[in-house]
Every structure is written in structure tokens, then in C-alpha cells.
Amino acid sequence: MPTSVRLDPETEALVARLARKTRRTKSEVIRAAIARLAEVEAAPASATTPYEAMEHLLGVAHGGPPDLSVRTGEKVRQLLRARRR
């Protein structure tokens, strides 16, 4: 299916140079570039720190009781007692 793409002169020269260097057509060079971009975008981001690995999750949740970490032992005991009944 034909698709038309408008390139600025610098990009067009780069594509032509790559095509000559690799002995491929300009269309093949552009298809390969698009395929490579799709691979990179589909690959999971490699996080270097734990913070970077979960950065997209921070600040997402809102609400909930403000004292979730207070007296957790008591709360667990209450839950277990309630389950026993």
C-alpha cells in the first residue's frame, strides 16, 4: 500500500546516503528504520534503579485511611478475630 512521507532535505540526504552505503533502496531503509523504532518502543524500559522501575506508579493512588501504617499489629489481630467468628 503506497504511503507518502515528506522529508526535510537533511533527512532525505541521510536516507539516500544510508541507501547507497547499505546498497538498499530508500524504501527499504525507511522500512528498516520504522521496524527498529517499533522494536525499541515495544521493549520494556530498562530501569537502572528501583525508583525508576516504579516511577510511573508513584503518586497515582489517592485517598485511603491516613493511618495505614499505625498500629498494624492491632488491626491484623482484629481481622483474624473477625475471620474466626
PDB file of N, CA and C in Angstrom:
ATOM      1  N   MET A   1       0.850  -1.164   0.000  1.00  0.00           N
ATOM      2  CA  MET A   1       0.000   0.000   0.000  1.00  0.00           C
ATOM      3  C   MET A   1       0.904   1.238   0.000  1.00  0.00           C
ATOM      4  N   PRO A   2       0.791   2.095  -0.977  1.00  0.00           N
ATOM      5  CA  PRO A   2       1.650   3.271  -1.059  1.00  0.00           C
ATOM      6  C   PRO A   2       1.340   4.281   0.047  1.00  0.00           C
ATOM      7  N   THR A   3       2.403   4.832   0.589  1.00  0.00           N
ATOM      8  CA  THR A   3       2.297   5.881   1.598  1.00  0.00           C
ATOM      9  C   THR A   3       3.303   6.957   1.236  1.00  0.00           C
ATOM     10  N   SER A   4       2.881   8.173   1.355  1.00  0.00           N
ATOM     11  CA  SER A   4       3.755   9.285   1.027  1.00  0.00           C
ATOM     12  C   SER A   4       4.272   9.908   2.318  1.00  0.00           C
ATOM     13  N   VAL A   5       5.570  10.174   2.350  1.00  0.00           N
ATOM     14  CA  VAL A   5       6.187  10.788   3.524  1.00  0.00           C
ATOM     15  C   VAL A   5       6.989  11.987   3.054  1.00  0.00           C
ATOM     16  N   ARG A   6       6.800  13.105   3.703  1.00  0.00           N
ATOM     17  CA  ARG A   6       7.558  14.303   3.358  1.00  0.00           C
ATOM     18  C   ARG A   6       8.758  14.411   4.297  1.00  0.00           C
ATOM     19  N   LEU A   7       9.932  14.526   3.702  1.00  0.00           N
ATOM     20  CA  LEU A   7      11.158  14.622   4.485  1.00  0.00           C
ATOM     21  C   LEU A   7      11.815  15.965   4.249  1.00  0.00           C
ATOM     22  N   ASP A   8      12.442  16.481   5.304  1.00  0.00           N
ATOM     23  CA  ASP A   8      13.214  17.702   5.116  1.00  0.00           C
ATOM     24  C   ASP A   8      14.488  17.323   4.346  1.00  0.00           C
ATOM     25  N   PRO A   9      15.152  18.282   3.741  1.00  0.00           N
ATOM     26  CA  PRO A   9      16.318  17.984   2.894  1.00  0.00           C
ATOM     27  C   PRO A   9      17.419  17.199   3.617  1.00  0.00           C
ATOM     28  N   GLU A  10      17.662  17.507   4.878  1.00  0.00           N
ATOM     29  CA  GLU A  10      18.713  16.806   5.619  1.00  0.00           C
ATOM     30  C   GLU A  10      18.369  15.332   5.808  1.00  0.00           C
ATOM     31  N   THR A  11      17.123  15.053   6.168  1.00  0.00           N
ATOM     32  CA  THR A  11      16.699  13.669   6.378  1.00  0.00           C
ATOM     33  C   THR A  11      16.699  12.914   5.062  1.00  0.00           C
ATOM     34  N   GLU A  12      16.261  13.567   3.995  1.00  0.00           N
ATOM     35  CA  GLU A  12      16.257  12.917   2.689  1.00  0.00           C
ATOM     36  C   GLU A  12      17.683  12.571   2.250  1.00  0.00           C
ATOM     37  N   ALA A  13      18.622  13.471   2.511  1.00  0.00           N
ATOM     38  CA  ALA A  13      20.020  13.202   2.174  1.00  0.00           C
ATOM     39  C   ALA A  13      20.567  12.052   3.024  1.00  0.00           C
ATOM     40  N   LEU A  14      20.191  12.011   4.273  1.00  0.00           N
ATOM     41  CA  LEU A  14      20.628  10.932   5.161  1.00  0.00           C
ATOM     42  C   LEU A  14      20.095   9.581   4.676  1.00  0.00           C
ATOM     43  N   VAL A  15      18.830   9.540   4.307  1.00  0.00           N
ATOM     44  CA  VAL A  15      18.231   8.300   3.800  1.00  0.00           C
ATOM     45  C   VAL A  15      18.937   7.864   2.518  1.00  0.00           C
ATOM     46  N   ALA A  16      19.182   8.803   1.646  1.00  0.00           N
ATOM     47  CA  ALA A  16      19.868   8.477   0.385  1.00  0.00           C
ATOM     48  C   ALA A  16      21.281   7.966   0.651  1.00  0.00           C
ATOM     49  N   ARG A  17      21.981   8.596   1.575  1.00  0.00           N
ATOM     50  CA  ARG A  17      23.336   8.173   1.924  1.00  0.00           C
ATOM     51  C   ARG A  17      23.337   6.762   2.511  1.00  0.00           C
ATOM     52  N   LEU A  18      22.387   6.480   3.422  1.00  0.00           N
ATOM     53  CA  LEU A  18      22.277   5.147   4.010  1.00  0.00           C
ATOM     54  C   LEU A  18      21.922   4.096   2.964  1.00  0.00           C
ATOM     55  N   ALA A  19      21.066   4.464   2.044  1.00  0.00           N
ATOM     56  CA  ALA A  19      20.672   3.533   0.974  1.00  0.00           C
ATOM     57  C   ALA A  19      21.884   3.173   0.108  1.00  0.00           C
ATOM     58  N   ARG A  20      22.667   4.182  -0.258  1.00  0.00           N
ATOM     59  CA  ARG A  20      23.864   3.919  -1.071  1.00  0.00           C
ATOM     60  C   ARG A  20      24.859   3.056  -0.295  1.00  0.00           C
ATOM     61  N   LYS A  21      25.075   3.422   0.965  1.00  0.00           N
ATOM     62  CA  LYS A  21      26.063   2.719   1.793  1.00  0.00           C
ATOM     63  C   LYS A  21      25.693   1.261   2.008  1.00  0.00           C
ATOM     64  N   THR A  22      24.417   0.981   2.220  1.00  0.00           N
ATOM     65  CA  THR A  22      23.968  -0.385   2.503  1.00  0.00           C
ATOM     66  C   THR A  22      23.469  -1.117   1.260  1.00  0.00           C
ATOM     67  N   ARG A  23      23.507  -0.423   0.123  1.00  0.00           N
ATOM     68  CA  ARG A  23      23.061  -0.992  -1.160  1.00  0.00           C
ATOM     69  C   ARG A  23      21.614  -1.482  -1.081  1.00  0.00           C
ATOM     70  N   ARG A  24      20.789  -0.634  -0.492  1.00  0.00           N
ATOM     71  CA  ARG A  24      19.352  -0.908  -0.429  1.00  0.00           C
ATOM     72  C   ARG A  24      18.615   0.278  -1.022  1.00  0.00           C
ATOM     73  N   THR A  25      17.332   0.090  -1.251  1.00  0.00           N
ATOM     74  CA  THR A  25      16.532   1.214  -1.749  1.00  0.00           C
ATOM     75  C   THR A  25      16.195   2.128  -0.577  1.00  0.00           C
ATOM     76  N   LYS A  26      15.805   3.351  -0.904  1.00  0.00           N
ATOM     77  CA  LYS A  26      15.388   4.280   0.149  1.00  0.00           C
ATOM     78  C   LYS A  26      14.185   3.728   0.899  1.00  0.00           C
ATOM     79  N   SER A  27      13.279   3.067   0.188  1.00  0.00           N
ATOM     80  CA  SER A  27      12.107   2.467   0.835  1.00  0.00           C
ATOM     81  C   SER A  27      12.521   1.402   1.842  1.00  0.00           C
ATOM     82  N   GLU A  28      13.517   0.583   1.484  1.00  0.00           N
ATOM     83  CA  GLU A  28      13.987  -0.452   2.409  1.00  0.00           C
ATOM     84  C   GLU A  28      14.610   0.170   3.654  1.00  0.00           C
ATOM     85  N   VAL A  29      15.359   1.241   3.467  1.00  0.00           N
ATOM     86  CA  VAL A  29      15.982   1.931   4.600  1.00  0.00           C
ATOM     87  C   VAL A  29      14.903   2.485   5.533  1.00  0.00           C
ATOM     88  N   ILE A  30      13.897   3.110   4.956  1.00  0.00           N
ATOM     89  CA  ILE A  30      12.817   3.688   5.767  1.00  0.00           C
ATOM     90  C   ILE A  30      12.028   2.597   6.482  1.00  0.00           C
ATOM     91  N   ARG A  31      11.736   1.487   5.789  1.00  0.00           N
ATOM     92  CA  ARG A  31      11.022   0.367   6.433  1.00  0.00           C
ATOM     93  C   ARG A  31      11.839  -0.207   7.588  1.00  0.00           C
ATOM     94  N   ALA A  32      13.146  -0.357   7.383  1.00  0.00           N
ATOM     95  CA  ALA A  32      14.009  -0.885   8.443  1.00  0.00           C
ATOM     96  C   ALA A  32      14.044   0.062   9.638  1.00  0.00           C
ATOM     97  N   ALA A  33      14.076   1.357   9.377  1.00  0.00           N
ATOM     98  CA  ALA A  33      14.095   2.342  10.464  1.00  0.00           C
ATOM     99  C   ALA A  33      12.794   2.294  11.262  1.00  0.00           C
ATOM    100  N   ILE A  34      11.687   2.158  10.568  1.00  0.00           N
ATOM    101  CA  ILE A  34      10.393   2.082  11.247  1.00  0.00           C
ATOM    102  C   ILE A  34      10.303   0.797  12.062  1.00  0.00           C
ATOM    103  N   ALA A  35      10.773  -0.315  11.515  1.00  0.00           N
ATOM    104  CA  ALA A  35      10.760  -1.588  12.235  1.00  0.00           C
ATOM    105  C   ALA A  35      11.618  -1.500  13.493  1.00  0.00           C
ATOM    106  N   ARG A  36      12.786  -0.871  13.379  1.00  0.00           N
ATOM    107  CA  ARG A  36      13.678  -0.718  14.539  1.00  0.00           C
ATOM    108  C   ARG A  36      13.036   0.163  15.600  1.00  0.00           C
ATOM    109  N   LEU A  37      12.400   1.235  15.191  1.00  0.00           N
ATOM    110  CA  LEU A  37      11.721   2.117  16.139  1.00  0.00           C
ATOM    111  C   LEU A  37      10.599   1.365  16.854  1.00  0.00           C
ATOM    112  N   ALA A  38       9.866   0.541  16.125  1.00  0.00           N
ATOM    113  CA  ALA A  38       8.790  -0.241  16.729  1.00  0.00           C
ATOM    114  C   ALA A  38       9.343  -1.215  17.763  1.00  0.00           C
ATOM    115  N   GLU A  39      10.500  -1.844  17.482  1.00  0.00           N
ATOM    116  CA  GLU A  39      11.132  -2.742  18.450  1.00  0.00           C
ATOM    117  C   GLU A  39      11.519  -2.002  19.715  1.00  0.00           C
ATOM    118  N   VAL A  40      12.124  -0.846  19.550  1.00  0.00           N
ATOM    119  CA  VAL A  40      12.579  -0.063  20.697  1.00  0.00           C
ATOM    120  C   VAL A  40      11.388   0.389  21.544  1.00  0.00           C
ATOM    121  N   GLU A  41      10.339   0.838  20.899  1.00  0.00           N
ATOM    122  CA  GLU A  41       9.160   1.306  21.622  1.00  0.00           C
ATOM    123  C   GLU A  41       8.436   0.171  22.329  1.00  0.00           C
ATOM    124  N   ALA A  42       8.459  -1.030  21.749  1.00  0.00           N
ATOM    125  CA  ALA A  42       7.759  -2.171  22.336  1.00  0.00           C
ATOM    126  C   ALA A  42       8.546  -2.795  23.480  1.00  0.00           C
ATOM    127  N   ALA A  43       9.851  -2.617  23.490  1.00  0.00           N
ATOM    128  CA  ALA A  43      10.680  -3.213  24.537  1.00  0.00           C
ATOM    129  C   ALA A  43      10.426  -2.510  25.862  1.00  0.00           C
ATOM    130  N   PRO A  44      10.384  -3.276  26.951  1.00  0.00           N
ATOM    131  CA  PRO A  44      10.198  -2.642  28.254  1.00  0.00           C
ATOM    132  C   PRO A  44      11.384  -1.745  28.583  1.00  0.00           C
ATOM    133  N   ALA A  45      11.096  -0.660  29.208  1.00  0.00           N
ATOM    134  CA  ALA A  45      12.154   0.279  29.580  1.00  0.00           C
ATOM    135  C   ALA A  45      13.047  -0.376  30.623  1.00  0.00           C
ATOM    136  N   SER A  46      14.335  -0.276  30.429  1.00  0.00           N
ATOM    137  CA  SER A  46      15.256  -0.863  31.396  1.00  0.00           C
ATOM    138  C   SER A  46      15.557   0.168  32.470  1.00  0.00           C
ATOM    139  N   ALA A  47      15.099  -0.119  33.652  1.00  0.00           N
ATOM    140  CA  ALA A  47      15.305   0.789  34.769  1.00  0.00           C
ATOM    141  C   ALA A  47      16.645   0.481  35.421  1.00  0.00           C
ATOM    142  N   THR A  48      17.347   1.522  35.787  1.00  0.00           N
ATOM    143  CA  THR A  48      18.633   1.317  36.438  1.00  0.00           C
ATOM    144  C   THR A  48      18.498   1.322  37.948  1.00  0.00           C
ATOM    145  N   THR A  49      17.452   1.915  38.466  1.00  0.00           N
ATOM    146  CA  THR A  49      17.242   1.934  39.915  1.00  0.00           C
ATOM    147  C   THR A  49      15.822   1.474  40.220  1.00  0.00           C
ATOM    148  N   PRO A  50      15.588   1.005  41.438  1.00  0.00           N
ATOM    149  CA  PRO A  50      14.222   0.621  41.810  1.00  0.00           C
ATOM    150  C   PRO A  50      13.241   1.788  41.658  1.00  0.00           C
ATOM    151  N   TYR A  51      13.695   2.993  41.956  1.00  0.00           N
ATOM    152  CA  TYR A  51      12.829   4.163  41.808  1.00  0.00           C
ATOM    153  C   TYR A  51      12.381   4.323  40.356  1.00  0.00           C
ATOM    154  N   GLU A  52      13.315   4.193  39.418  1.00  0.00           N
ATOM    155  CA  GLU A  52      12.968   4.331  38.000  1.00  0.00           C
ATOM    156  C   GLU A  52      12.012   3.227  37.551  1.00  0.00           C
ATOM    157  N   ALA A  53      12.156   2.033  38.143  1.00  0.00           N
ATOM    158  CA  ALA A  53      11.293   0.917  37.761  1.00  0.00           C
ATOM    159  C   ALA A  53       9.839   1.173  38.142  1.00  0.00           C
ATOM    160  N   MET A  54       9.606   1.905  39.222  1.00  0.00           N
ATOM    161  CA  MET A  54       8.226   2.133  39.659  1.00  0.00           C
ATOM    162  C   MET A  54       7.819   3.602  39.627  1.00  0.00           C
ATOM    163  N   GLU A  55       8.627   4.418  38.998  1.00  0.00           N
ATOM    164  CA  GLU A  55       8.360   5.858  38.937  1.00  0.00           C
ATOM    165  C   GLU A  55       6.985   6.169  38.361  1.00  0.00           C
ATOM    166  N   HIS A  56       6.549   5.410  37.358  1.00  0.00           N
ATOM    167  CA  HIS A  56       5.257   5.662  36.731  1.00  0.00           C
ATOM    168  C   HIS A  56       4.088   5.377  37.676  1.00  0.00           C
ATOM    169  N   LEU A  57       4.335   4.675  38.770  1.00  0.00           N
ATOM    170  CA  LEU A  57       3.275   4.349  39.725  1.00  0.00           C
ATOM    171  C   LEU A  57       3.183   5.342  40.880  1.00  0.00           C
ATOM    172  N   LEU A  58       4.237   6.081  41.121  1.00  0.00           N
ATOM    173  CA  LEU A  58       4.265   6.980  42.269  1.00  0.00           C
ATOM    174  C   LEU A  58       3.285   8.135  42.090  1.00  0.00           C
ATOM    175  N   GLY A  59       2.493   8.365  43.102  1.00  0.00           N
ATOM    176  CA  GLY A  59       1.536   9.462  43.073  1.00  0.00           C
ATOM    177  C   GLY A  59       0.262   9.149  42.323  1.00  0.00           C
ATOM    178  N   VAL A  60       0.063   7.905  41.924  1.00  0.00           N
ATOM    179  CA  VAL A  60      -1.122   7.537  41.149  1.00  0.00           C
ATOM    180  C   VAL A  60      -2.329   7.328  42.055  1.00  0.00           C
ATOM    181  N   ALA A  61      -2.112   6.694  43.203  1.00  0.00           N
ATOM    182  CA  ALA A  61      -3.222   6.386  44.111  1.00  0.00           C
ATOM    183  C   ALA A  61      -3.521   7.577  45.016  1.00  0.00           C
ATOM    184  N   HIS A  62      -4.785   7.811  45.224  1.00  0.00           N
ATOM    185  CA  HIS A  62      -5.213   8.894  46.098  1.00  0.00           C
ATOM    186  C   HIS A  62      -6.245   8.348  47.077  1.00  0.00           C
ATOM    187  N   GLY A  63      -6.287   8.924  48.254  1.00  0.00           N
ATOM    188  CA  GLY A  63      -7.302   8.534  49.219  1.00  0.00           C
ATOM    189  C   GLY A  63      -6.850   7.395  50.099  1.00  0.00           C
ATOM    190  N   GLY A  64      -7.790   6.848  50.820  1.00  0.00           N
ATOM    191  CA  GLY A  64      -7.491   5.783  51.765  1.00  0.00           C
ATOM    192  C   GLY A  64      -7.228   6.359  53.139  1.00  0.00           C
ATOM    193  N   PRO A  65      -7.279   5.508  54.146  1.00  0.00           N
ATOM    194  CA  PRO A  65      -7.041   5.988  55.512  1.00  0.00           C
ATOM    195  C   PRO A  65      -5.614   6.502  55.669  1.00  0.00           C
ATOM    196  N   PRO A  66      -5.442   7.620  56.352  1.00  0.00           N
ATOM    197  CA  PRO A  66      -4.106   8.191  56.500  1.00  0.00           C
ATOM    198  C   PRO A  66      -3.242   7.440  57.506  1.00  0.00           C
ATOM    199  N   ASP A  67      -3.829   6.545  58.306  1.00  0.00           N
ATOM    200  CA  ASP A  67      -3.062   5.868  59.356  1.00  0.00           C
ATOM    201  C   ASP A  67      -2.840   4.388  59.051  1.00  0.00           C
ATOM    202  N   LEU A  68      -2.624   4.039  57.800  1.00  0.00           N
ATOM    203  CA  LEU A  68      -2.478   2.637  57.421  1.00  0.00           C
ATOM    204  C   LEU A  68      -1.292   1.961  58.107  1.00  0.00           C
ATOM    205  N   SER A  69      -0.244   2.684  58.378  1.00  0.00           N
ATOM    206  CA  SER A  69       0.930   2.065  58.985  1.00  0.00           C
ATOM    207  C   SER A  69       0.943   2.187  60.510  1.00  0.00           C
ATOM    208  N   VAL A  70      -0.104   2.731  61.068  1.00  0.00           N
ATOM    209  CA  VAL A  70      -0.168   2.902  62.518  1.00  0.00           C
ATOM    210  C   VAL A  70      -0.906   1.716  63.130  1.00  0.00           C
ATOM    211  N   ARG A  71      -0.347   1.148  64.163  1.00  0.00           N
ATOM    212  CA  ARG A  71      -0.964   0.039  64.920  1.00  0.00           C
ATOM    213  C   ARG A  71      -1.378  -1.110  64.006  1.00  0.00           C
ATOM    214  N   THR A  72      -0.489  -1.500  63.123  1.00  0.00           N
ATOM    215  CA  THR A  72      -0.833  -2.570  62.189  1.00  0.00           C
ATOM    216  C   THR A  72      -1.049  -3.890  62.901  1.00  0.00           C
ATOM    217  N   GLY A  73      -0.284  -4.143  63.962  1.00  0.00           N
ATOM    218  CA  GLY A  73      -0.454  -5.391  64.711  1.00  0.00           C
ATOM    219  C   GLY A  73      -1.855  -5.517  65.265  1.00  0.00           C
ATOM    220  N   GLU A  74      -2.371  -4.434  65.817  1.00  0.00           N
ATOM    221  CA  GLU A  74      -3.734  -4.450  66.367  1.00  0.00           C
ATOM    222  C   GLU A  74      -4.762  -4.704  65.266  1.00  0.00           C
ATOM    223  N   LYS A  75      -4.571  -4.065  64.155  1.00  0.00           N
ATOM    224  CA  LYS A  75      -5.525  -4.212  63.053  1.00  0.00           C
ATOM    225  C   LYS A  75      -5.527  -5.645  62.516  1.00  0.00           C
ATOM    226  N   VAL A  76      -4.360  -6.249  62.419  1.00  0.00           N
ATOM    227  CA  VAL A  76      -4.283  -7.624  61.931  1.00  0.00           C
ATOM    228  C   VAL A  76      -4.973  -8.559  62.921  1.00  0.00           C
ATOM    229  N   ARG A  77      -4.727  -8.347  64.217  1.00  0.00           N
ATOM    230  CA  ARG A  77      -5.389  -9.166  65.234  1.00  0.00           C
ATOM    231  C   ARG A  77      -6.898  -9.068  65.132  1.00  0.00           C
ATOM    232  N   GLN A  78      -7.399  -7.852  64.937  1.00  0.00           N
ATOM    233  CA  GLN A  78      -8.843  -7.654  64.809  1.00  0.00           C
ATOM    234  C   GLN A  78      -9.392  -8.389  63.577  1.00  0.00           C
ATOM    235  N   LEU A  79      -8.673  -8.317  62.474  1.00  0.00           N
ATOM    236  CA  LEU A  79      -9.097  -9.016  61.258  1.00  0.00           C
ATOM    237  C   LEU A  79      -9.130 -10.531  61.456  1.00  0.00           C
ATOM    238  N   LEU A  80      -8.104 -11.062  62.122  1.00  0.00           N
ATOM    239  CA  LEU A  80      -8.059 -12.505  62.356  1.00  0.00           C
ATOM    240  C   LEU A  80      -9.172 -12.948  63.285  1.00  0.00           C
ATOM    241  N   ARG A  81      -9.451 -12.156  64.324  1.00  0.00           N
ATOM    242  CA  ARG A  81     -10.551 -12.480  65.239  1.00  0.00           C
ATOM    243  C   ARG A  81     -11.889 -12.465  64.514  1.00  0.00           C
ATOM    244  N   ALA A  82     -12.051 -11.482  63.638  1.00  0.00           N
ATOM    245  CA  ALA A  82     -13.310 -11.376  62.895  1.00  0.00           C
ATOM    246  C   ALA A  82     -13.471 -12.560  61.943  1.00  0.00           C
ATOM    247  N   ARG A  83     -12.397 -13.051  61.367  1.00  0.00           N
ATOM    248  CA  ARG A  83     -12.478 -14.202  60.462  1.00  0.00           C
ATOM    249  C   ARG A  83     -12.818 -15.477  61.231  1.00  0.00           C
ATOM    250  N   ARG A  84     -12.285 -15.584  62.447  1.00  0.00           N
ATOM    251  CA  ARG A  84     -12.540 -16.772  63.261  1.00  0.00           C
ATOM    252  C   ARG A  84     -14.017 -16.902  63.617  1.00  0.00           C
ATOM    253  N   ARG A  85     -14.692 -15.786  63.739  1.00  0.00           N
ATOM    254  CA  ARG A  85     -16.109 -15.789  64.141  1.00  0.00           C
ATOM    255  C   ARG A  85     -16.970 -16.128  63.019  1.00  0.00           C
TER     256      ARG A  85
END
